[in-house]
């Protein structure tokens, strides 16, 4: 129960931060990014083992690709 309350507070702060962005588009993109990262972490927790390793490798490849630009 504690984790659900903590996640709800995190998403509430995310919405507040999104409304304080310079443009509505930046706020929307920020919310989508937070939801995407949360979804990837949820899949990592939901599918431990080989599937979790595959998700981790894909996420690391994406981060490293972004860093090389």
C-alpha atoms as a PDB file:
ATOM      1  CA  UNK A   1       0.000   0.000   0.000  1.00  0.00           C
ATOM      2  CA  UNK A   2       2.867   2.348   0.786  1.00  0.00           C
ATOM      3  CA  UNK A   3       4.367   1.979  -2.687  1.00  0.00           C
ATOM      4  CA  UNK A   4       1.060   2.861  -4.350  1.00  0.00           C
ATOM      5  CA  UNK A   5       0.780   6.028  -2.262  1.00  0.00           C
ATOM      6  CA  UNK A   6       4.403   6.891  -3.031  1.00  0.00           C
ATOM      7  CA  UNK A   7       3.825   6.360  -6.774  1.00  0.00           C
ATOM      8  CA  UNK A   8       0.683   8.501  -6.642  1.00  0.00           C
ATOM      9  CA  UNK A   9       2.578  11.332  -4.944  1.00  0.00           C
ATOM     10  CA  UNK A  10       5.349  11.034  -7.546  1.00  0.00           C
ATOM     11  CA  UNK A  11       2.845  11.313 -10.414  1.00  0.00           C
ATOM     12  CA  UNK A  12       1.123  14.230  -8.689  1.00  0.00           C
ATOM     13  CA  UNK A  13       4.438  16.088  -8.494  1.00  0.00           C
ATOM     14  CA  UNK A  14       5.070  15.165 -12.132  1.00  0.00           C
ATOM     15  CA  UNK A  15       1.787  16.773 -13.178  1.00  0.00           C
ATOM     16  CA  UNK A  16       2.544  19.889 -11.125  1.00  0.00           C
ATOM     17  CA  UNK A  17       6.011  20.150 -12.700  1.00  0.00           C
ATOM     18  CA  UNK A  18       4.528  19.653 -16.182  1.00  0.00           C
ATOM     19  CA  UNK A  19       2.137  22.569 -15.708  1.00  0.00           C
ATOM     20  CA  UNK A  20       5.049  24.795 -14.655  1.00  0.00           C
ATOM     21  CA  UNK A  21       7.021  24.159 -17.874  1.00  0.00           C
ATOM     22  CA  UNK A  22       7.590  26.981 -20.376  1.00  0.00           C
ATOM     23  CA  UNK A  23       5.224  25.585 -23.010  1.00  0.00           C
ATOM     24  CA  UNK A  24       2.410  23.028 -22.842  1.00  0.00           C
ATOM     25  CA  UNK A  25       4.274  20.861 -25.363  1.00  0.00           C
ATOM     26  CA  UNK A  26       7.320  20.612 -23.064  1.00  0.00           C
ATOM     27  CA  UNK A  27       5.013  19.665 -20.201  1.00  0.00           C
ATOM     28  CA  UNK A  28       3.338  16.973 -22.282  1.00  0.00           C
ATOM     29  CA  UNK A  29       6.668  15.577 -23.434  1.00  0.00           C
ATOM     30  CA  UNK A  30       7.908  15.565 -19.831  1.00  0.00           C
ATOM     31  CA  UNK A  31       4.844  13.613 -18.696  1.00  0.00           C
ATOM     32  CA  UNK A  32       5.211  11.131 -21.561  1.00  0.00           C
ATOM     33  CA  UNK A  33       8.884  10.633 -20.730  1.00  0.00           C
ATOM     34  CA  UNK A  34       8.124   9.967 -17.072  1.00  0.00           C
ATOM     35  CA  UNK A  35       5.382   7.507 -18.030  1.00  0.00           C
ATOM     36  CA  UNK A  36       7.675   5.716 -20.501  1.00  0.00           C
ATOM     37  CA  UNK A  37      10.475   5.342 -17.952  1.00  0.00           C
ATOM     38  CA  UNK A  38       7.991   4.157 -15.333  1.00  0.00           C
ATOM     39  CA  UNK A  39       6.600   1.620 -17.800  1.00  0.00           C
ATOM     40  CA  UNK A  40      10.057   0.273 -18.613  1.00  0.00           C
ATOM     41  CA  UNK A  41      10.872  -0.061 -14.918  1.00  0.00           C
ATOM     42  CA  UNK A  42       7.530  -1.795 -14.346  1.00  0.00           C
ATOM     43  CA  UNK A  43       8.308  -4.289 -17.126  1.00  0.00           C
ATOM     44  CA  UNK A  44      11.732  -4.896 -15.585  1.00  0.00           C
ATOM     45  CA  UNK A  45      10.072  -5.710 -12.253  1.00  0.00           C
ATOM     46  CA  UNK A  46       7.252  -7.709 -13.855  1.00  0.00           C
ATOM     47  CA  UNK A  47       9.541  -9.901 -15.971  1.00  0.00           C
ATOM     48  CA  UNK A  48      12.664 -10.707 -13.968  1.00  0.00           C
ATOM     49  CA  UNK A  49      15.411 -12.847 -15.375  1.00  0.00           C
ATOM     50  CA  UNK A  50      16.214 -12.947 -19.078  1.00  0.00           C
ATOM     51  CA  UNK A  51      13.420 -10.561 -20.063  1.00  0.00           C
ATOM     52  CA  UNK A  52      14.611  -8.050 -17.489  1.00  0.00           C
ATOM     53  CA  UNK A  53      18.147  -8.309 -18.813  1.00  0.00           C
ATOM     54  CA  UNK A  54      16.890  -7.701 -22.372  1.00  0.00           C
ATOM     55  CA  UNK A  55      14.968  -4.614 -21.231  1.00  0.00           C
ATOM     56  CA  UNK A  56      18.051  -3.361 -19.389  1.00  0.00           C
ATOM     57  CA  UNK A  57      20.291  -3.863 -22.434  1.00  0.00           C
ATOM     58  CA  UNK A  58      17.799  -2.055 -24.696  1.00  0.00           C
ATOM     59  CA  UNK A  59      17.544   0.846 -22.245  1.00  0.00           C
ATOM     60  CA  UNK A  60      21.325   1.064 -21.895  1.00  0.00           C
ATOM     61  CA  UNK A  61      21.760   1.026 -25.688  1.00  0.00           C
ATOM     62  CA  UNK A  62      19.237   3.843 -26.018  1.00  0.00           C
ATOM     63  CA  UNK A  63      20.957   5.938 -23.337  1.00  0.00           C
ATOM     64  CA  UNK A  64      24.407   5.369 -24.843  1.00  0.00           C
ATOM     65  CA  UNK A  65      23.100   6.244 -28.314  1.00  0.00           C
ATOM     66  CA  UNK A  66      21.670   9.513 -26.967  1.00  0.00           C
ATOM     67  CA  UNK A  67      24.951  10.304 -25.220  1.00  0.00           C
ATOM     68  CA  UNK A  68      27.021   9.868 -28.404  1.00  0.00           C
ATOM     69  CA  UNK A  69      25.147  12.562 -30.335  1.00  0.00           C
END
